[in-house]
C-alpha atoms as a PDB file:
ATOM      1  CA  LEU A   1      49.582  44.058 127.420  1.00  0.00           C
ATOM      2  CA  GLU A   2      50.303  43.312 123.763  1.00  0.00           C
ATOM      3  CA  ASN A   3      54.007  43.722 122.922  1.00  0.00           C
ATOM      4  CA  PRO A   4      55.064  44.664 126.494  1.00  0.00           C
ATOM      5  CA  ALA A   5      58.693  45.071 125.439  1.00  0.00           C
ATOM      6  CA  ASN A   6      57.796  48.220 123.496  1.00  0.00           C
ATOM      7  CA  TYR A   7      54.546  49.347 125.175  1.00  0.00           C
ATOM      8  CA  VAL A   8      54.949  49.139 128.912  1.00  0.00           C
ATOM      9  CA  ASP A   9      51.606  50.499 130.126  1.00  0.00           C
ATOM     10  CA  ASP A  10      48.013  50.987 128.985  1.00  0.00           C
ATOM     11  CA  ASN A  11      47.597  54.689 129.777  1.00  0.00           C
ATOM     12  CA  HIS A  12      46.839  57.182 127.033  1.00  0.00           C
ATOM     13  CA  LYS A  13      49.298  59.954 126.120  1.00  0.00           C
ATOM     14  CA  PRO A  14      47.767  63.345 125.275  1.00  0.00           C
ATOM     15  CA  GLU A  15      50.385  66.105 124.927  1.00  0.00           C
ATOM     16  CA  LEU A  16      50.647  69.871 125.250  1.00  0.00           C
ATOM     17  CA  ALA A  17      53.495  71.785 123.588  1.00  0.00           C
ATOM     18  CA  VAL A  18      54.332  75.390 124.502  1.00  0.00           C
ATOM     19  CA  ALA A  19      56.909  77.030 122.216  1.00  0.00           C
ATOM     20  CA  LEU A  20      59.982  78.654 123.784  1.00  0.00           C
ATOM     21  CA  THR A  21      61.469  79.522 120.374  1.00  0.00           C
ATOM     22  CA  PRO A  22      59.990  79.572 116.858  1.00  0.00           C
ATOM     23  CA  PHE A  23      58.818  75.989 116.507  1.00  0.00           C
ATOM     24  CA  GLU A  24      57.945  73.672 113.621  1.00  0.00           C
ATOM     25  CA  ALA A  25      55.841  70.540 113.907  1.00  0.00           C
ATOM     26  CA  MET A  26      53.513  68.230 112.032  1.00  0.00           C
ATOM     27  CA  CYS A  27      50.227  67.675 113.846  1.00  0.00           C
ATOM     28  CA  GLY A  28      47.121  65.797 112.764  1.00  0.00           C
ATOM     29  CA  PHE A  29      45.942  64.881 109.293  1.00  0.00           C
ATOM     30  CA  ARG A  30      45.227  67.435 106.611  1.00  0.00           C
ATOM     31  CA  ARG A  31      41.689  67.713 105.352  1.00  0.00           C
ATOM     32  CA  LEU A  32      40.957  65.165 102.659  1.00  0.00           C
ATOM     33  CA  GLU A  33      40.325  67.913 100.102  1.00  0.00           C
ATOM     34  CA  GLU A  34      43.879  69.201 100.553  1.00  0.00           C
ATOM     35  CA  ILE A  35      45.360  65.719 100.277  1.00  0.00           C
ATOM     36  CA  ALA A  36      43.432  65.134  97.029  1.00  0.00           C
ATOM     37  CA  ILE A  37      44.949  68.325  95.575  1.00  0.00           C
ATOM     38  CA  LEU A  38      48.454  67.203  96.548  1.00  0.00           C
ATOM     39  CA  ILE A  39      47.972  63.726  95.059  1.00  0.00           C
ATOM     40  CA  LYS A  40      47.064  65.309  91.717  1.00  0.00           C
ATOM     41  CA  LYS A  41      49.889  67.825  91.848  1.00  0.00           C
ATOM     42  CA  HIS A  42      52.725  65.513  92.926  1.00  0.00           C
ATOM     43  CA  PRO A  43      52.938  62.308  90.850  1.00  0.00           C
ATOM     44  CA  GLU A  44      55.811  61.010  93.012  1.00  0.00           C
ATOM     45  CA  PHE A  45      53.531  61.040  96.061  1.00  0.00           C
ATOM     46  CA  ALA A  46      50.702  59.486  94.061  1.00  0.00           C
ATOM     47  CA  ALA A  47      53.026  56.666  92.931  1.00  0.00           C
ATOM     48  CA  CYS A  48      53.431  55.594  96.583  1.00  0.00           C
ATOM     49  CA  ILE A  49      49.681  55.077  97.014  1.00  0.00           C
ATOM     50  CA  SER A  50      47.565  52.284  95.568  1.00  0.00           C
ATOM     51  CA  ASN A  51      44.962  53.082  92.912  1.00  0.00           C
ATOM     52  CA  GLU A  52      42.237  51.832  95.241  1.00  0.00           C
ATOM     53  CA  ALA A  53      43.292  54.214  98.013  1.00  0.00           C
ATOM     54  CA  LYS A  54      43.528  57.171  95.626  1.00  0.00           C
ATOM     55  CA  LEU A  55      40.090  56.368  94.243  1.00  0.00           C
ATOM     56  CA  ALA A  56      38.696  56.250  97.788  1.00  0.00           C
ATOM     57  CA  VAL A  57      40.056  59.754  98.423  1.00  0.00           C
ATOM     58  CA  PHE A  58      38.618  61.193  95.200  1.00  0.00           C
ATOM     59  CA  LEU A  59      35.209  59.539  95.631  1.00  0.00           C
ATOM     60  CA  ALA A  60      34.749  60.027  99.383  1.00  0.00           C
ATOM     61  CA  ASN A  61      31.344  61.355 100.373  1.00  0.00           C
ATOM     62  CA  ARG A  62      30.908  64.440 102.516  1.00  0.00           C
ATOM     63  CA  ASP A  63      30.074  62.459 105.648  1.00  0.00           C
ATOM     64  CA  GLU A  64      32.896  62.051 108.171  1.00  0.00           C
ATOM     65  CA  ASP A  65      32.859  58.250 108.224  1.00  0.00           C
ATOM     66  CA  SER A  66      33.465  58.086 104.480  1.00  0.00           C
ATOM     67  CA  LYS A  67      36.302  60.596 104.712  1.00  0.00           C
ATOM     68  CA  LYS A  68      37.940  58.801 107.636  1.00  0.00           C
ATOM     69  CA  SER A  69      37.721  55.474 105.823  1.00  0.00           C
ATOM     70  CA  ALA A  70      39.372  56.991 102.751  1.00  0.00           C
ATOM     71  CA  LEU A  71      42.065  58.661 104.850  1.00  0.00           C
ATOM     72  CA  ARG A  72      42.867  55.410 106.625  1.00  0.00           C
ATOM     73  CA  ALA A  73      43.143  53.598 103.295  1.00  0.00           C
ATOM     74  CA  LEU A  74      45.503  56.277 101.975  1.00  0.00           C
ATOM     75  CA  PHE A  75      47.695  56.313 105.086  1.00  0.00           C
ATOM     76  CA  GLN A  76      47.909  52.522 105.237  1.00  0.00           C
ATOM     77  CA  SER A  77      48.760  52.331 101.536  1.00  0.00           C
ATOM     78  CA  PHE A  78      51.495  54.963 101.788  1.00  0.00           C
ATOM     79  CA  MET A  79      53.018  53.411 104.894  1.00  0.00           C
ATOM     80  CA  SER A  80      52.969  49.968 103.241  1.00  0.00           C
ATOM     81  CA  CYS A  81      54.622  51.136 100.027  1.00  0.00           C
ATOM     82  CA  PRO A  82      57.710  49.014  99.214  1.00  0.00           C
ATOM     83  CA  LYS A  83      60.874  50.783 100.291  1.00  0.00           C
ATOM     84  CA  GLU A  84      62.461  50.597  96.837  1.00  0.00           C
ATOM     85  CA  THR A  85      59.416  52.349  95.355  1.00  0.00           C
ATOM     86  CA  SER A  86      59.173  55.068  98.003  1.00  0.00           C
ATOM     87  CA  SER A  87      62.922  55.714  97.903  1.00  0.00           C
ATOM     88  CA  ARG A  88      62.912  56.062  94.120  1.00  0.00           C
ATOM     89  CA  GLN A  89      59.912  58.390  94.157  1.00  0.00           C
ATOM     90  CA  LEU A  90      61.377  60.464  96.992  1.00  0.00           C
ATOM     91  CA  LYS A  91      64.537  61.090  94.972  1.00  0.00           C
ATOM     92  CA  ARG A  92      62.481  62.197  91.988  1.00  0.00           C
ATOM     93  CA  LEU A  93      60.341  64.436  94.175  1.00  0.00           C
ATOM     94  CA  LEU A  94      63.308  66.116  95.832  1.00  0.00           C
ATOM     95  CA  LYS A  95      64.994  66.747  92.498  1.00  0.00           C
ATOM     96  CA  ARG A  96      61.871  68.425  91.152  1.00  0.00           C
ATOM     97  CA  LEU A  97      61.153  70.457  94.291  1.00  0.00           C
ATOM     98  CA  GLN A  98      64.737  71.664  94.503  1.00  0.00           C
ATOM     99  CA  LYS A  99      64.511  72.895  90.938  1.00  0.00           C
ATOM    100  CA  GLU A 100      61.191  74.625  91.616  1.00  0.00           C
ATOM    101  CA  GLN A 101      62.536  76.241  94.799  1.00  0.00           C
ATOM    102  CA  SER A 102      65.621  77.596  93.022  1.00  0.00           C
ATOM    103  CA  CYS A 103      65.901  81.337  92.496  1.00  0.00           C
ATOM    104  CA  ASP A 104      65.476  81.063  88.731  1.00  0.00           C
ATOM    105  CA  HIS A 105      62.122  79.353  89.059  1.00  0.00           C
ATOM    106  CA  VAL A 106      59.082  81.619  89.126  1.00  0.00           C
ATOM    107  CA  HIS A 107      56.214  80.285  91.204  1.00  0.00           C
ATOM    108  CA  PRO A 108      52.823  80.575  89.533  1.00  0.00           C
ATOM    109  CA  HIS A 109      50.688  83.212  91.207  1.00  0.00           C
ATOM    110  CA  GLU A 110      47.844  80.766  91.710  1.00  0.00           C
ATOM    111  CA  GLU A 111      49.911  78.463  93.954  1.00  0.00           C
ATOM    112  CA  PRO A 112      48.572  78.894  97.512  1.00  0.00           C
ATOM    113  CA  PRO A 113      51.091  79.664 100.297  1.00  0.00           C
ATOM    114  CA  TRP A 114      50.225  76.416 102.120  1.00  0.00           C
ATOM    115  CA  GLU A 115      51.394  74.409  99.109  1.00  0.00           C
ATOM    116  CA  ARG A 116      54.717  76.256  98.963  1.00  0.00           C
ATOM    117  CA  LYS A 117      55.156  75.736 102.708  1.00  0.00           C
ATOM    118  CA  CYS A 118      54.463  72.034 102.226  1.00  0.00           C
ATOM    119  CA  ALA A 119      57.208  71.756  99.585  1.00  0.00           C
ATOM    120  CA  ARG A 120      59.741  73.590 101.754  1.00  0.00           C
ATOM    121  CA  ALA A 121      58.896  71.320 104.688  1.00  0.00           C
ATOM    122  CA  ILE A 122      59.583  68.213 102.627  1.00  0.00           C
ATOM    123  CA  LEU A 123      62.993  69.526 101.575  1.00  0.00           C
ATOM    124  CA  ARG A 124      63.759  70.347 105.207  1.00  0.00           C
ATOM    125  CA  LEU A 125      62.789  66.873 106.439  1.00  0.00           C
ATOM    126  CA  ALA A 126      64.738  65.163 103.664  1.00  0.00           C
ATOM    127  CA  GLN A 127      67.879  66.916 104.893  1.00  0.00           C
ATOM    128  CA  GLN A 128      67.261  65.858 108.492  1.00  0.00           C
ATOM    129  CA  PHE A 129      66.343  62.253 107.636  1.00  0.00           C
ATOM    130  CA  PRO A 130      68.093  61.318 104.354  1.00  0.00           C
ATOM    131  CA  GLY A 131      66.405  58.535 102.434  1.00  0.00           C
ATOM    132  CA  ASP A 132      63.381  58.326 104.767  1.00  0.00           C
ATOM    133  CA  ALA A 133      60.112  58.363 102.817  1.00  0.00           C
ATOM    134  CA  GLY A 134      58.551  59.946 105.903  1.00  0.00           C
ATOM    135  CA  ALA A 135      59.863  63.225 104.465  1.00  0.00           C
ATOM    136  CA  MET A 136      56.679  63.167 102.350  1.00  0.00           C
ATOM    137  CA  ALA A 137      54.536  63.314 105.502  1.00  0.00           C
ATOM    138  CA  PRO A 138      53.657  67.023 104.976  1.00  0.00           C
ATOM    139  CA  PHE A 139      51.546  65.831 102.042  1.00  0.00           C
ATOM    140  CA  PHE A 140      49.078  64.326 104.531  1.00  0.00           C
ATOM    141  CA  LEU A 141      49.930  65.958 107.898  1.00  0.00           C
ATOM    142  CA  ASN A 142      49.399  69.598 108.862  1.00  0.00           C
ATOM    143  CA  TYR A 143      52.684  71.502 109.043  1.00  0.00           C
ATOM    144  CA  LEU A 144      52.724  74.156 111.773  1.00  0.00           C
ATOM    145  CA  LEU A 145      55.009  77.107 112.466  1.00  0.00           C
ATOM    146  CA  ILE A 146      54.250  78.706 115.822  1.00  0.00           C
ATOM    147  CA  ALA A 147      55.795  81.616 117.721  1.00  0.00           C
ATOM    148  CA  PRO A 148      57.226  81.652 121.266  1.00  0.00           C
ATOM    149  CA  GLY A 149      54.400  81.657 123.783  1.00  0.00           C
ATOM    150  CA  GLU A 150      51.989  79.846 121.490  1.00  0.00           C
ATOM    151  CA  SER A 151      50.895  76.284 122.160  1.00  0.00           C
ATOM    152  CA  PHE A 152      48.924  73.401 120.740  1.00  0.00           C
ATOM    153  CA  TYR A 153      47.358  70.270 122.206  1.00  0.00           C
ATOM    154  CA  MET A 154      47.456  66.805 120.678  1.00  0.00           C
ATOM    155  CA  ALA A 155      44.933  64.266 121.888  1.00  0.00           C
ATOM    156  CA  ALA A 156      45.907  60.631 122.253  1.00  0.00           C
ATOM    157  CA  ASN A 157      46.051  58.585 119.038  1.00  0.00           C
ATOM    158  CA  GLU A 158      46.727  61.573 116.787  1.00  0.00           C
ATOM    159  CA  PRO A 159      49.820  61.602 114.519  1.00  0.00           C
ATOM    160  CA  HIS A 160      52.448  64.253 115.218  1.00  0.00           C
ATOM    161  CA  ALA A 161      56.160  64.909 114.865  1.00  0.00           C
ATOM    162  CA  TYR A 162      58.262  67.725 116.270  1.00  0.00           C
ATOM    163  CA  VAL A 163      60.644  69.055 113.630  1.00  0.00           C
ATOM    164  CA  ALA A 164      62.623  72.054 114.915  1.00  0.00           C
ATOM    165  CA  GLY A 165      62.767  74.485 117.819  1.00  0.00           C
ATOM    166  CA  GLU A 166      62.452  74.314 121.614  1.00  0.00           C
ATOM    167  CA  ILE A 167      59.276  73.644 123.589  1.00  0.00           C
ATOM    168  CA  ILE A 168      57.924  72.849 127.003  1.00  0.00           C
ATOM    169  CA  GLU A 169      56.197  69.496 126.544  1.00  0.00           C
ATOM    170  CA  CYS A 170      53.716  68.203 129.100  1.00  0.00           C
ATOM    171  CA  MET A 171      51.840  64.930 128.794  1.00  0.00           C
ATOM    172  CA  ALA A 172      49.893  62.312 130.672  1.00  0.00           C
ATOM    173  CA  CYS A 173      51.851  59.680 132.555  1.00  0.00           C
ATOM    174  CA  SER A 174      52.638  57.124 129.849  1.00  0.00           C
ATOM    175  CA  ASP A 175      55.784  55.643 128.329  1.00  0.00           C
ATOM    176  CA  ASN A 176      54.119  54.514 125.110  1.00  0.00           C
ATOM    177  CA  VAL A 177      55.262  55.940 121.776  1.00  0.00           C
ATOM    178  CA  VAL A 178      54.161  54.370 118.479  1.00  0.00           C
ATOM    179  CA  ARG A 179      56.450  55.425 115.625  1.00  0.00           C
ATOM    180  CA  ALA A 180      56.217  54.989 111.865  1.00  0.00           C
ATOM    181  CA  GLY A 181      58.940  57.151 110.343  1.00  0.00           C
ATOM    182  CA  LEU A 182      61.472  59.980 110.650  1.00  0.00           C
ATOM    183  CA  THR A 183      63.277  58.125 113.411  1.00  0.00           C
ATOM    184  CA  PRO A 184      65.989  55.484 113.804  1.00  0.00           C
ATOM    185  CA  LYS A 185      63.990  53.931 116.668  1.00  0.00           C
ATOM    186  CA  PHE A 186      61.539  51.026 116.614  1.00  0.00           C
ATOM    187  CA  LYS A 187      58.730  51.502 114.070  1.00  0.00           C
ATOM    188  CA  ASP A 188      55.324  49.838 114.313  1.00  0.00           C
ATOM    189  CA  VAL A 189      53.273  50.770 111.261  1.00  0.00           C
ATOM    190  CA  ASP A 190      50.524  48.162 111.776  1.00  0.00           C
ATOM    191  CA  ASN A 191      49.745  49.325 115.303  1.00  0.00           C
ATOM    192  CA  LEU A 192      49.788  52.978 114.275  1.00  0.00           C
ATOM    193  CA  VAL A 193      47.403  52.412 111.381  1.00  0.00           C
ATOM    194  CA  ASN A 194      44.960  50.612 113.681  1.00  0.00           C
ATOM    195  CA  MET A 195      45.047  53.052 116.599  1.00  0.00           C
ATOM    196  CA  LEU A 196      44.698  56.453 114.906  1.00  0.00           C
ATOM    197  CA  THR A 197      41.360  58.311 114.991  1.00  0.00           C
ATOM    198  CA  TYR A 198      41.778  59.785 111.478  1.00  0.00           C
ATOM    199  CA  SER A 199      40.387  63.127 112.561  1.00  0.00           C
ATOM    200  CA  MET A 200      41.202  65.869 110.057  1.00  0.00           C
ATOM    201  CA  GLY A 201      42.231  69.504 110.403  1.00  0.00           C
ATOM    202  CA  GLY A 202      45.009  71.194 112.334  1.00  0.00           C
ATOM    203  CA  PRO A 203      45.084  71.775 116.097  1.00  0.00           C
ATOM    204  CA  THR A 204      43.963  75.020 117.700  1.00  0.00           C
ATOM    205  CA  ILE A 205      46.829  77.421 118.419  1.00  0.00           C
ATOM    206  CA  ASN A 206      46.508  78.868 121.929  1.00  0.00           C
ATOM    207  CA  ALA A 207      48.480  81.841 123.233  1.00  0.00           C
ATOM    208  CA  GLY A 208      47.608  81.151 126.873  1.00  0.00           C
ATOM    209  CA  THR A 209      45.385  83.043 129.303  1.00  0.00           C
ATOM    210  CA  PRO A 210      46.584  85.467 132.041  1.00  0.00           C
ATOM    211  CA  ALA A 211      46.050  83.877 135.446  1.00  0.00           C
ATOM    212  CA  TYR A 212      45.585  85.149 139.014  1.00  0.00           C
ATOM    213  CA  GLY A 213      45.203  88.733 137.825  1.00  0.00           C
ATOM    214  CA  ASP A 214      48.834  88.901 136.648  1.00  0.00           C
ATOM    215  CA  ASP A 215      49.757  89.122 132.963  1.00  0.00           C
ATOM    216  CA  ARG A 216      53.145  87.632 133.797  1.00  0.00           C
ATOM    217  CA  ILE A 217      51.489  84.306 134.618  1.00  0.00           C
ATOM    218  CA  MET A 218      50.147  82.618 131.477  1.00  0.00           C
ATOM    219  CA  ARG A 219      48.052  79.497 131.893  1.00  0.00           C
ATOM    220  CA  TYR A 220      47.727  76.789 129.233  1.00  0.00           C
ATOM    221  CA  THR A 221      44.847  74.434 130.044  1.00  0.00           C
ATOM    222  CA  PRO A 222      44.299  71.530 127.627  1.00  0.00           C
ATOM    223  CA  PRO A 223      40.975  69.670 127.336  1.00  0.00           C
ATOM    224  CA  THR A 224      42.128  66.948 129.722  1.00  0.00           C
ATOM    225  CA  GLY A 225      42.007  67.009 133.495  1.00  0.00           C
ATOM    226  CA  GLU A 226      45.431  65.427 134.000  1.00  0.00           C
ATOM    227  CA  PHE A 227      47.746  68.420 133.619  1.00  0.00           C
ATOM    228  CA  GLU A 228      48.148  72.064 132.713  1.00  0.00           C
ATOM    229  CA  VAL A 229      51.115  74.403 132.249  1.00  0.00           C
ATOM    230  CA  MET A 230      51.794  77.880 133.614  1.00  0.00           C
ATOM    231  CA  VAL A 231      54.594  80.001 132.160  1.00  0.00           C
ATOM    232  CA  ILE A 232      55.764  82.673 134.601  1.00  0.00           C
ATOM    233  CA  THR A 233      57.928  85.600 133.487  1.00  0.00           C
ATOM    234  CA  CYS A 234      59.693  87.559 136.225  1.00  0.00           C
ATOM    235  CA  ASN A 235      61.977  90.277 134.829  1.00  0.00           C
ATOM    236  CA  PRO A 236      65.178  91.516 136.557  1.00  0.00           C
ATOM    237  CA  GLY A 237      64.413  93.581 139.656  1.00  0.00           C
ATOM    238  CA  GLU A 238      60.846  92.296 139.937  1.00  0.00           C
ATOM    239  CA  ASP A 239      59.244  89.962 142.419  1.00  0.00           C
ATOM    240  CA  ILE A 240      56.151  87.862 141.912  1.00  0.00           C
ATOM    241  CA  THR A 241      53.827  85.948 144.233  1.00  0.00           C
ATOM    242  CA  LEU A 242      53.183  82.473 142.939  1.00  0.00           C
ATOM    243  CA  PRO A 243      49.764  80.917 143.434  1.00  0.00           C
ATOM    244  CA  LEU A 244      49.322  78.241 146.085  1.00  0.00           C
ATOM    245  CA  LEU A 245      48.374  75.186 144.058  1.00  0.00           C
ATOM    246  CA  PRO A 246      46.201  72.391 145.517  1.00  0.00           C
ATOM    247  CA  VAL A 247      47.891  69.743 143.344  1.00  0.00           C
ATOM    248  CA  PRO A 248      51.449  68.418 142.916  1.00  0.00           C
ATOM    249  CA  SER A 249      53.519  70.602 140.599  1.00  0.00           C
ATOM    250  CA  VAL A 250      56.966  70.803 139.039  1.00  0.00           C
ATOM    251  CA  PHE A 251      58.801  74.151 138.931  1.00  0.00           C
ATOM    252  CA  ILE A 252      61.392  74.508 136.170  1.00  0.00           C
ATOM    253  CA  VAL A 253      63.659  77.525 135.647  1.00  0.00           C
ATOM    254  CA  ILE A 254      64.175  78.002 131.913  1.00  0.00           C
ATOM    255  CA  GLU A 255      66.344  81.118 131.981  1.00  0.00           C
ATOM    256  CA  GLY A 256      68.004  83.384 134.574  1.00  0.00           C
ATOM    257  CA  SER A 257      68.313  82.988 138.324  1.00  0.00           C
ATOM    258  CA  GLY A 258      66.701  84.325 141.481  1.00  0.00           C
ATOM    259  CA  ASN A 259      65.539  83.538 145.006  1.00  0.00           C
ATOM    260  CA  THR A 260      62.302  82.120 146.326  1.00  0.00           C
ATOM    261  CA  ASP A 261      60.835  82.659 149.798  1.00  0.00           C
ATOM    262  CA  ASN A 262      58.094  80.563 151.358  1.00  0.00           C
ATOM    263  CA  GLU A 263      55.224  81.827 153.515  1.00  0.00           C
ATOM    264  CA  ASP A 264      57.399  81.692 156.621  1.00  0.00           C
ATOM    265  CA  GLY A 265      60.055  83.929 155.041  1.00  0.00           C
ATOM    266  CA  GLN A 266      62.501  81.079 154.562  1.00  0.00           C
ATOM    267  CA  ARG A 267      64.735  81.595 151.534  1.00  0.00           C
ATOM    268  CA  LEU A 268      65.024  78.511 149.313  1.00  0.00           C
END
């Protein structure tokens, strides 16, 4: 394996996240049309991207290969921006956004909600990770806010970052994590740039499906055969019969307490 000290196996790492509380995350690249709008609107972001990469975004054809090539060029350019440049532009951006978010600033009616959400996300990330240019990631990554019980799936080699809230996270058996920002841990920009698929658009939000004829058992089945999650809600005074599963499983109690009996009546 290349770089075995940081990447200890060759298995892929798709992930499923099920929200236990209101949850915020960045998942997958925005559509190129949205990124082009944000480049034009935010000169501080544009200053962190080469002219060639910006031109590729503005001139990309409608075919997917052209868009993916332009997106890769933009991402690589942003991630390769000299730290002194990105830090200076981030400070300017935050100063402007803070002024625009203040109570005495009136937002123009034509500003779409997704753009306002993007600005608020950047301010939030800048507080969590001071001085990290990765706070500008909402300019090119989808920013999600999902409710308890909702979930999303991230295929392998797709960019994502969990920002706030509590989730159940299930993934394939792999220890590999390739990071590029918003972390004090090891960062490997070159590997990340080369491995991403550059698919665009946000993930599908799934509220689960009732299983085994019981609405208290919600099943979350991602498009991979390696794992799935079931969330079981048993209220005080109730009992519930759990399905007999033909595969290994892990049972985790998130809240409360109770007793379990097996088929032979043995209390566990």
